[in-house]
Protein backbone atom coordinates (compact mmCIF):
# COMPACT_ATOMS: atom_id res chain seq x y z
CA MET A 1 134.64 122.93 121.38
CA THR A 2 132.78 125.46 119.36
CA GLU A 3 133.72 129.09 119.25
CA GLU A 4 130.61 130.00 121.26
CA MET A 5 131.67 127.80 124.15
CA GLU A 6 135.18 129.26 124.21
CA THR A 7 133.94 132.85 124.31
CA LYS A 8 133.49 134.09 127.85
CA ARG A 9 130.55 136.37 128.30
CA ILE A 10 130.22 138.99 130.98
CA TYR A 11 126.72 139.51 132.31
CA SER A 12 125.58 142.77 133.82
CA SER A 13 122.53 141.46 135.68
CA PHE A 14 120.80 138.34 136.90
CA GLU A 15 117.95 139.05 134.49
CA GLU A 16 120.40 138.80 131.61
CA ILE A 17 121.67 135.49 132.97
CA ASP A 18 118.09 134.22 133.39
CA ARG A 19 117.24 135.23 129.83
CA GLU A 20 120.32 133.45 128.49
CA LEU A 21 119.40 130.33 130.48
CA GLU A 22 115.86 130.43 129.08
CA ILE A 23 117.23 130.67 125.54
CA LEU A 24 119.58 127.73 126.16
CA ASP A 25 116.77 125.71 127.71
CA THR A 26 114.49 126.44 124.75
CA GLU A 27 117.25 125.42 122.31
CA ARG A 28 117.81 122.21 124.29
CA LYS A 29 114.09 121.40 124.23
CA LEU A 30 113.92 122.09 120.50
CA LYS A 31 116.87 119.77 119.82
CA TYR A 32 115.29 117.08 121.99
CA TYR A 33 111.96 117.47 120.16
CA ARG A 34 113.69 117.14 116.78
CA PHE A 35 115.62 114.10 117.99
CA LYS A 36 112.43 112.50 119.27
CA ARG A 37 110.58 113.25 116.00
CA ASN A 38 113.44 111.76 113.96
CA LEU A 39 113.45 108.69 116.19
CA GLU A 40 109.70 108.22 115.70
CA GLY A 41 110.19 108.58 111.95
CA LEU A 42 112.91 105.96 112.03
CA LYS A 43 110.67 103.60 113.99
CA THR A 44 107.96 104.07 111.36
CA GLU A 45 110.42 103.47 108.52
CA LEU A 46 111.69 100.28 110.14
CA SER A 47 108.35 98.90 111.29
CA ALA A 48 107.59 95.31 110.36
CA GLU A 49 104.29 96.36 108.78
CA ARG A 50 105.93 98.89 106.48
CA ILE A 51 108.76 96.55 105.47
CA THR A 52 106.25 93.76 104.79
CA THR A 53 104.04 96.09 102.76
CA GLU A 54 106.94 97.36 100.67
CA LEU A 55 108.22 93.81 100.12
CA PHE A 56 104.75 92.64 99.07
CA GLU A 57 104.40 95.58 96.65
CA GLU A 58 107.81 94.81 95.13
CA ILE A 59 106.90 91.13 94.67
CA GLN A 60 103.54 92.10 93.18
CA GLN A 61 105.17 94.49 90.69
CA ARG A 62 107.73 91.91 89.60
CA PHE A 63 105.06 89.22 89.28
CA MET A 64 102.88 91.50 87.15
CA GLY A 65 105.88 92.31 84.97
CA LEU A 66 106.57 88.61 84.55
CA LEU A 67 102.92 87.92 83.65
CA LYS A 68 102.97 90.71 81.06
CA SER A 69 106.15 89.30 79.57
CA ILE A 70 104.72 85.75 79.43
CA PHE A 71 101.44 87.05 77.99
CA THR A 72 103.29 89.06 75.34
CA GLN A 73 105.44 86.08 74.40
CA ARG A 74 102.37 83.84 74.16
CA ILE A 75 100.61 86.32 71.88
CA ILE A 76 103.68 86.52 69.62
CA VAL A 77 103.82 82.71 69.38
CA LEU A 78 100.11 82.55 68.53
CA VAL A 79 100.46 85.24 65.85
CA ILE A 80 103.46 83.49 64.28
CA ARG A 81 101.64 80.14 64.28
CA SER A 82 98.59 81.78 62.69
CA LEU A 83 100.75 83.36 60.02
CA PHE A 84 102.41 80.02 59.23
CA LYS A 85 99.01 78.34 58.99
CA TRP A 86 97.71 81.14 56.80
CA PHE A 87 100.65 80.92 54.36
CA LYS A 88 100.46 77.11 54.03
């Protein structure tokens, strides 16, 4: 239990009790709203569309990196062959 729950409060009027209940109700609603918002965010993060999109983007980036590497290697081979032909 928290310290707030252990502390006993003495109220001097029903209005004071009502005000405290309104504050507690508002806090409860705010916590529920935050929970709901976080749950919606989690649903969005774990959606099949988002996971598929991120996976596709990752594959695309790796493929492009591979193509650049192959292209660079091919250019180097062509340059070396040209140099050998030139020096013969």
